[in-house]
Amino acid sequence: MVKSLEDYPYCSYHYFLEKQIPECLQNAWIVQNHGNDIEAIKEMLNSKVDSSVLQELKTASSLVEAPNIDKKPDINKLTKIFSEIQDRKERNRQIVKAYDKGYSQHMIAKVLSISQQAVNGIIKRNRK
């Protein structure tokens, strides 16, 4: 076990302390709230966590009700959506719509009998 975050080589701690934060971390909460203020980031990352507060947060998060948590996308509805489509452009628009509604790329690919990579490519191309 390491004594400080600086000593642990398998975390992103050191990336936040560089002058230029990598692009893959630009949307991280800490960057959004502290920007390039390295001292504020260092202070936040090195602050001690009160275990009682942590337990309180854990308890509170378990009390939050998540709507539709057990609702799974219906494969029959998805099949019906694609069953009447003849045009490739319309199919591609429907793929993006289905994905936005919460259907997985895997499920869409299964219904259409195409690869998941193809579905991913269609979604990327049609979002530009």
N, C-alpha and C. Protein backbone atom coordinates (compact mmCIF):
# COMPACT_ATOMS: atom_id res chain seq x y z
N MET A 1 0.85 -1.18 0.00
CA MET A 1 0.00 0.00 0.00
C MET A 1 0.90 1.25 0.00
N VAL A 2 0.55 2.20 -0.83
CA VAL A 2 1.34 3.43 -0.92
C VAL A 2 0.88 4.43 0.14
N LYS A 3 1.78 5.31 0.52
CA LYS A 3 1.45 6.29 1.56
C LYS A 3 0.86 7.58 0.98
N SER A 4 1.15 7.87 -0.28
CA SER A 4 0.59 9.07 -0.91
C SER A 4 0.25 8.78 -2.37
N LEU A 5 -0.64 9.60 -2.89
CA LEU A 5 -1.08 9.41 -4.28
C LEU A 5 0.06 9.56 -5.28
N GLU A 6 1.00 10.43 -4.97
CA GLU A 6 2.13 10.65 -5.90
C GLU A 6 2.91 9.37 -6.15
N ASP A 7 2.91 8.47 -5.15
CA ASP A 7 3.70 7.24 -5.25
C ASP A 7 2.99 6.13 -6.00
N TYR A 8 1.70 6.29 -6.25
CA TYR A 8 0.93 5.23 -6.90
C TYR A 8 0.96 5.45 -8.42
N PRO A 9 1.62 4.56 -9.16
CA PRO A 9 1.81 4.80 -10.59
C PRO A 9 0.59 4.53 -11.47
N TYR A 10 -0.45 3.89 -10.94
CA TYR A 10 -1.58 3.47 -11.77
C TYR A 10 -2.82 4.32 -11.57
N CYS A 11 -2.64 5.59 -11.35
CA CYS A 11 -3.79 6.50 -11.23
C CYS A 11 -3.53 7.74 -12.08
N SER A 12 -4.55 8.54 -12.24
CA SER A 12 -4.44 9.73 -13.09
C SER A 12 -4.02 10.97 -12.30
N TYR A 13 -3.67 10.80 -11.04
CA TYR A 13 -3.29 11.92 -10.17
C TYR A 13 -2.26 12.82 -10.83
N HIS A 14 -1.16 12.25 -11.29
CA HIS A 14 -0.07 13.06 -11.83
C HIS A 14 -0.46 13.81 -13.11
N TYR A 15 -1.45 13.31 -13.85
CA TYR A 15 -1.88 14.01 -15.06
C TYR A 15 -2.56 15.34 -14.73
N PHE A 16 -3.27 15.38 -13.60
CA PHE A 16 -3.95 16.61 -13.21
C PHE A 16 -2.98 17.69 -12.75
N LEU A 17 -1.76 17.30 -12.41
CA LEU A 17 -0.79 18.27 -11.92
C LEU A 17 0.15 18.78 -13.00
N GLU A 18 -0.02 18.30 -14.22
CA GLU A 18 0.79 18.78 -15.33
C GLU A 18 0.23 20.10 -15.84
N LYS A 19 1.08 20.88 -16.51
CA LYS A 19 0.64 22.17 -17.04
C LYS A 19 -0.43 21.99 -18.09
N GLN A 20 -0.27 20.95 -18.92
CA GLN A 20 -1.25 20.67 -19.97
C GLN A 20 -1.96 19.37 -19.63
N ILE A 21 -3.21 19.45 -19.19
CA ILE A 21 -3.99 18.27 -18.84
C ILE A 21 -4.38 17.56 -20.14
N PRO A 22 -4.19 16.24 -20.21
CA PRO A 22 -4.50 15.51 -21.44
C PRO A 22 -5.96 15.67 -21.86
N GLU A 23 -6.19 15.58 -23.15
CA GLU A 23 -7.54 15.77 -23.70
C GLU A 23 -8.55 14.80 -23.11
N CYS A 24 -8.12 13.57 -22.84
CA CYS A 24 -9.04 12.56 -22.32
C CYS A 24 -9.54 12.90 -20.92
N LEU A 25 -8.89 13.82 -20.22
CA LEU A 25 -9.32 14.21 -18.88
C LEU A 25 -9.95 15.60 -18.84
N GLN A 26 -10.12 16.23 -19.98
CA GLN A 26 -10.67 17.58 -20.02
C GLN A 26 -12.11 17.67 -19.49
N ASN A 27 -12.87 16.57 -19.60
CA ASN A 27 -14.25 16.58 -19.12
C ASN A 27 -14.39 16.05 -17.70
N ALA A 28 -13.27 15.76 -17.05
CA ALA A 28 -13.31 15.26 -15.67
C ALA A 28 -13.88 16.33 -14.75
N TRP A 29 -14.59 15.89 -13.72
CA TRP A 29 -15.22 16.81 -12.77
C TRP A 29 -14.20 17.77 -12.18
N ILE A 30 -13.06 17.25 -11.82
CA ILE A 30 -12.04 18.08 -11.17
C ILE A 30 -11.54 19.19 -12.10
N VAL A 31 -11.41 18.91 -13.37
CA VAL A 31 -10.97 19.92 -14.34
C VAL A 31 -12.09 20.93 -14.57
N GLN A 32 -13.32 20.45 -14.64
CA GLN A 32 -14.45 21.35 -14.85
C GLN A 32 -14.60 22.35 -13.69
N ASN A 33 -14.26 21.91 -12.48
CA ASN A 33 -14.43 22.76 -11.30
C ASN A 33 -13.19 23.56 -10.92
N HIS A 34 -12.01 23.07 -11.25
CA HIS A 34 -10.79 23.76 -10.84
C HIS A 34 -9.96 24.26 -12.02
N GLY A 35 -10.32 23.87 -13.23
CA GLY A 35 -9.58 24.33 -14.40
C GLY A 35 -8.12 23.94 -14.34
N ASN A 36 -7.23 24.88 -14.59
CA ASN A 36 -5.79 24.62 -14.55
C ASN A 36 -5.14 25.09 -13.26
N ASP A 37 -5.93 25.30 -12.22
CA ASP A 37 -5.41 25.72 -10.92
C ASP A 37 -4.80 24.50 -10.22
N ILE A 38 -3.52 24.26 -10.48
CA ILE A 38 -2.84 23.06 -10.01
C ILE A 38 -2.83 22.98 -8.49
N GLU A 39 -2.68 24.10 -7.82
CA GLU A 39 -2.67 24.09 -6.35
C GLU A 39 -4.02 23.65 -5.78
N ALA A 40 -5.11 24.13 -6.37
CA ALA A 40 -6.44 23.75 -5.90
C ALA A 40 -6.70 22.26 -6.16
N ILE A 41 -6.24 21.79 -7.31
CA ILE A 41 -6.40 20.37 -7.65
C ILE A 41 -5.60 19.51 -6.67
N LYS A 42 -4.37 19.92 -6.41
CA LYS A 42 -3.51 19.17 -5.49
C LYS A 42 -4.12 19.13 -4.09
N GLU A 43 -4.62 20.26 -3.63
CA GLU A 43 -5.25 20.32 -2.31
C GLU A 43 -6.48 19.42 -2.24
N MET A 44 -7.28 19.45 -3.30
CA MET A 44 -8.49 18.63 -3.32
C MET A 44 -8.16 17.13 -3.33
N LEU A 45 -7.18 16.74 -4.16
CA LEU A 45 -6.83 15.33 -4.26
C LEU A 45 -6.13 14.79 -3.02
N ASN A 46 -5.45 15.65 -2.28
CA ASN A 46 -4.73 15.23 -1.09
C ASN A 46 -5.52 15.42 0.20
N SER A 47 -6.74 15.94 0.11
CA SER A 47 -7.52 16.16 1.32
C SER A 47 -7.97 14.83 1.92
N LYS A 48 -8.04 14.81 3.23
CA LYS A 48 -8.45 13.62 3.96
C LYS A 48 -9.96 13.45 3.83
N VAL A 49 -10.41 12.20 3.79
CA VAL A 49 -11.83 11.91 3.70
C VAL A 49 -12.30 11.42 5.07
N ASP A 50 -13.30 12.10 5.59
CA ASP A 50 -13.87 11.71 6.88
C ASP A 50 -14.74 10.48 6.65
N SER A 51 -14.40 9.37 7.29
CA SER A 51 -15.11 8.11 7.04
C SER A 51 -16.58 8.18 7.44
N SER A 52 -16.93 9.02 8.43
CA SER A 52 -18.35 9.14 8.81
C SER A 52 -19.15 9.84 7.71
N VAL A 53 -18.54 10.85 7.08
CA VAL A 53 -19.19 11.54 5.98
C VAL A 53 -19.33 10.59 4.79
N LEU A 54 -18.30 9.80 4.54
CA LEU A 54 -18.33 8.83 3.46
C LEU A 54 -19.45 7.81 3.68
N GLN A 55 -19.60 7.33 4.90
CA GLN A 55 -20.66 6.38 5.22
C GLN A 55 -22.03 7.02 5.06
N GLU A 56 -22.14 8.29 5.44
CA GLU A 56 -23.40 9.01 5.29
C GLU A 56 -23.77 9.16 3.82
N LEU A 57 -22.79 9.46 2.98
CA LEU A 57 -23.02 9.56 1.53
C LEU A 57 -23.44 8.21 0.95
N LYS A 58 -22.80 7.17 1.40
CA LYS A 58 -23.12 5.83 0.93
C LYS A 58 -24.56 5.46 1.29
N THR A 59 -24.95 5.77 2.53
CA THR A 59 -26.32 5.50 2.98
C THR A 59 -27.32 6.33 2.17
N ALA A 60 -27.01 7.61 1.99
CA ALA A 60 -27.92 8.49 1.25
C ALA A 60 -28.08 8.04 -0.19
N SER A 61 -26.99 7.61 -0.82
CA SER A 61 -27.08 7.20 -2.22
C SER A 61 -27.91 5.93 -2.37
N SER A 62 -27.94 5.09 -1.34
CA SER A 62 -28.74 3.88 -1.43
C SER A 62 -30.23 4.17 -1.27
N LEU A 63 -30.57 5.34 -0.74
CA LEU A 63 -31.96 5.72 -0.55
C LEU A 63 -32.57 6.40 -1.78
N VAL A 64 -31.72 6.84 -2.69
CA VAL A 64 -32.18 7.51 -3.90
C VAL A 64 -32.87 6.49 -4.79
N GLU A 65 -34.07 6.82 -5.22
CA GLU A 65 -34.81 5.91 -6.08
C GLU A 65 -34.49 6.22 -7.54
N ALA A 66 -34.09 5.20 -8.24
CA ALA A 66 -33.80 5.35 -9.66
C ALA A 66 -35.03 4.92 -10.46
N PRO A 67 -35.62 5.83 -11.24
CA PRO A 67 -36.81 5.46 -12.01
C PRO A 67 -36.46 4.47 -13.12
N ASN A 68 -37.36 3.53 -13.35
CA ASN A 68 -37.22 2.54 -14.43
C ASN A 68 -35.93 1.73 -14.35
N ILE A 69 -35.45 1.48 -13.15
CA ILE A 69 -34.17 0.78 -13.02
C ILE A 69 -34.24 -0.65 -13.55
N ASP A 70 -35.41 -1.27 -13.43
CA ASP A 70 -35.53 -2.65 -13.89
C ASP A 70 -36.18 -2.75 -15.27
N LYS A 71 -36.42 -1.61 -15.89
CA LYS A 71 -37.03 -1.59 -17.22
C LYS A 71 -35.95 -1.79 -18.27
N LYS A 72 -36.09 -2.83 -19.05
CA LYS A 72 -35.12 -3.11 -20.11
C LYS A 72 -35.75 -2.77 -21.45
N PRO A 73 -34.94 -2.28 -22.40
CA PRO A 73 -35.47 -1.99 -23.73
C PRO A 73 -36.09 -3.25 -24.35
N ASP A 74 -37.23 -3.07 -24.96
CA ASP A 74 -37.99 -4.19 -25.53
C ASP A 74 -37.48 -4.51 -26.94
N ILE A 75 -36.96 -5.71 -27.10
CA ILE A 75 -36.41 -6.13 -28.40
C ILE A 75 -37.51 -6.26 -29.45
N ASN A 76 -38.73 -6.59 -29.02
CA ASN A 76 -39.84 -6.72 -29.97
C ASN A 76 -40.20 -5.37 -30.58
N LYS A 77 -40.20 -4.32 -29.75
CA LYS A 77 -40.47 -2.97 -30.27
C LYS A 77 -39.39 -2.55 -31.26
N LEU A 78 -38.15 -2.89 -30.91
CA LEU A 78 -37.04 -2.53 -31.79
C LEU A 78 -37.15 -3.26 -33.12
N THR A 79 -37.52 -4.52 -33.08
CA THR A 79 -37.70 -5.31 -34.30
C THR A 79 -38.79 -4.68 -35.17
N LYS A 80 -39.87 -4.25 -34.53
CA LYS A 80 -40.99 -3.63 -35.26
C LYS A 80 -40.55 -2.33 -35.92
N ILE A 81 -39.73 -1.55 -35.22
CA ILE A 81 -39.25 -0.28 -35.78
C ILE A 81 -38.51 -0.51 -37.09
N PHE A 82 -37.68 -1.55 -37.13
CA PHE A 82 -36.85 -1.80 -38.31
C PHE A 82 -37.49 -2.70 -39.36
N SER A 83 -38.59 -3.33 -39.03
CA SER A 83 -39.18 -4.30 -39.95
C SER A 83 -39.74 -3.68 -41.23
N GLU A 84 -40.20 -2.46 -41.17
CA GLU A 84 -40.85 -1.83 -42.32
C GLU A 84 -39.93 -0.90 -43.10
N ILE A 85 -38.69 -0.78 -42.70
CA ILE A 85 -37.76 0.15 -43.35
C ILE A 85 -37.09 -0.52 -44.54
N GLN A 86 -37.14 0.16 -45.69
CA GLN A 86 -36.52 -0.35 -46.91
C GLN A 86 -35.30 0.48 -47.31
N ASP A 87 -35.32 1.76 -46.95
CA ASP A 87 -34.28 2.72 -47.35
C ASP A 87 -33.13 2.71 -46.33
N ARG A 88 -31.91 2.67 -46.82
CA ARG A 88 -30.72 2.63 -45.95
C ARG A 88 -30.58 3.91 -45.13
N LYS A 89 -30.86 5.07 -45.74
CA LYS A 89 -30.74 6.34 -45.00
C LYS A 89 -31.74 6.39 -43.86
N GLU A 90 -32.96 5.92 -44.12
CA GLU A 90 -33.98 5.90 -43.07
C GLU A 90 -33.58 4.91 -41.97
N ARG A 91 -33.03 3.77 -42.38
CA ARG A 91 -32.57 2.78 -41.40
C ARG A 91 -31.50 3.40 -40.50
N ASN A 92 -30.57 4.14 -41.09
CA ASN A 92 -29.51 4.76 -40.32
C ASN A 92 -30.05 5.80 -39.35
N ARG A 93 -31.05 6.58 -39.80
CA ARG A 93 -31.67 7.56 -38.90
C ARG A 93 -32.35 6.84 -37.73
N GLN A 94 -33.01 5.73 -38.03
CA GLN A 94 -33.69 4.97 -36.98
C GLN A 94 -32.69 4.31 -36.01
N ILE A 95 -31.54 3.93 -36.52
CA ILE A 95 -30.49 3.38 -35.65
C ILE A 95 -30.08 4.42 -34.62
N VAL A 96 -29.85 5.64 -35.07
CA VAL A 96 -29.45 6.72 -34.15
C VAL A 96 -30.57 7.00 -33.16
N LYS A 97 -31.81 7.04 -33.64
CA LYS A 97 -32.95 7.29 -32.75
C LYS A 97 -33.07 6.19 -31.69
N ALA A 98 -32.92 4.95 -32.13
CA ALA A 98 -33.02 3.81 -31.20
C ALA A 98 -31.92 3.88 -30.15
N TYR A 99 -30.73 4.22 -30.59
CA TYR A 99 -29.61 4.34 -29.66
C TYR A 99 -29.87 5.46 -28.65
N ASP A 100 -30.40 6.58 -29.13
CA ASP A 100 -30.73 7.70 -28.24
C ASP A 100 -31.84 7.34 -27.25
N LYS A 101 -32.71 6.42 -27.63
CA LYS A 101 -33.79 5.99 -26.74
C LYS A 101 -33.31 5.00 -25.67
N GLY A 102 -32.07 4.54 -25.80
CA GLY A 102 -31.53 3.66 -24.78
C GLY A 102 -31.25 2.24 -25.22
N TYR A 103 -31.52 1.92 -26.48
CA TYR A 103 -31.18 0.60 -26.98
C TYR A 103 -29.68 0.51 -27.15
N SER A 104 -29.10 -0.62 -26.79
CA SER A 104 -27.65 -0.79 -26.92
C SER A 104 -27.27 -1.03 -28.38
N GLN A 105 -26.03 -0.71 -28.68
CA GLN A 105 -25.52 -0.98 -30.03
C GLN A 105 -25.59 -2.48 -30.31
N HIS A 106 -25.33 -3.28 -29.30
CA HIS A 106 -25.37 -4.73 -29.44
C HIS A 106 -26.77 -5.21 -29.84
N MET A 107 -27.79 -4.68 -29.15
CA MET A 107 -29.16 -5.10 -29.43
C MET A 107 -29.59 -4.65 -30.83
N ILE A 108 -29.24 -3.43 -31.20
CA ILE A 108 -29.58 -2.93 -32.54
C ILE A 108 -28.92 -3.80 -33.60
N ALA A 109 -27.65 -4.12 -33.41
CA ALA A 109 -26.92 -4.96 -34.36
C ALA A 109 -27.55 -6.34 -34.47
N LYS A 110 -27.97 -6.88 -33.35
CA LYS A 110 -28.59 -8.22 -33.32
C LYS A 110 -29.90 -8.22 -34.12
N VAL A 111 -30.71 -7.20 -33.94
CA VAL A 111 -32.00 -7.11 -34.63
C VAL A 111 -31.79 -6.94 -36.14
N LEU A 112 -30.78 -6.16 -36.52
CA LEU A 112 -30.54 -5.89 -37.94
C LEU A 112 -29.62 -6.91 -38.60
N SER A 113 -29.06 -7.81 -37.81
CA SER A 113 -28.10 -8.81 -38.32
C SER A 113 -26.89 -8.16 -38.98
N ILE A 114 -26.40 -7.12 -38.32
CA ILE A 114 -25.15 -6.49 -38.76
C ILE A 114 -24.22 -6.45 -37.55
N SER A 115 -22.97 -6.09 -37.77
CA SER A 115 -22.02 -6.08 -36.66
C SER A 115 -22.24 -4.86 -35.77
N GLN A 116 -21.82 -5.00 -34.53
CA GLN A 116 -21.91 -3.88 -33.59
C GLN A 116 -21.00 -2.73 -34.05
N GLN A 117 -19.89 -3.06 -34.67
CA GLN A 117 -18.99 -2.03 -35.19
C GLN A 117 -19.68 -1.21 -36.29
N ALA A 118 -20.49 -1.88 -37.10
CA ALA A 118 -21.22 -1.17 -38.15
C ALA A 118 -22.22 -0.20 -37.53
N VAL A 119 -22.92 -0.64 -36.49
CA VAL A 119 -23.87 0.23 -35.79
C VAL A 119 -23.14 1.43 -35.20
N ASN A 120 -21.99 1.17 -34.57
CA ASN A 120 -21.20 2.24 -33.99
C ASN A 120 -20.79 3.25 -35.06
N GLY A 121 -20.34 2.78 -36.21
CA GLY A 121 -19.94 3.66 -37.30
C GLY A 121 -21.10 4.50 -37.82
N ILE A 122 -22.27 3.88 -37.94
CA ILE A 122 -23.46 4.61 -38.42
C ILE A 122 -23.82 5.71 -37.43
N ILE A 123 -23.78 5.40 -36.15
CA ILE A 123 -24.10 6.41 -35.13
C ILE A 123 -23.11 7.56 -35.20
N LYS A 124 -21.83 7.26 -35.29
CA LYS A 124 -20.81 8.31 -35.36
C LYS A 124 -20.97 9.18 -36.59
N ARG A 125 -21.20 8.56 -37.75
CA ARG A 125 -21.33 9.32 -39.01
C ARG A 125 -22.58 10.19 -39.02
N ASN A 126 -23.66 9.71 -38.43
CA ASN A 126 -24.92 10.45 -38.49
C ASN A 126 -25.06 11.50 -37.39
N ARG A 127 -24.12 11.58 -36.49
CA ARG A 127 -24.16 12.59 -35.43
C ARG A 127 -23.37 13.83 -35.79
N LYS A 128 -22.63 13.79 -36.88
CA LYS A 128 -21.78 14.94 -37.27
C LYS A 128 -22.61 16.04 -37.85
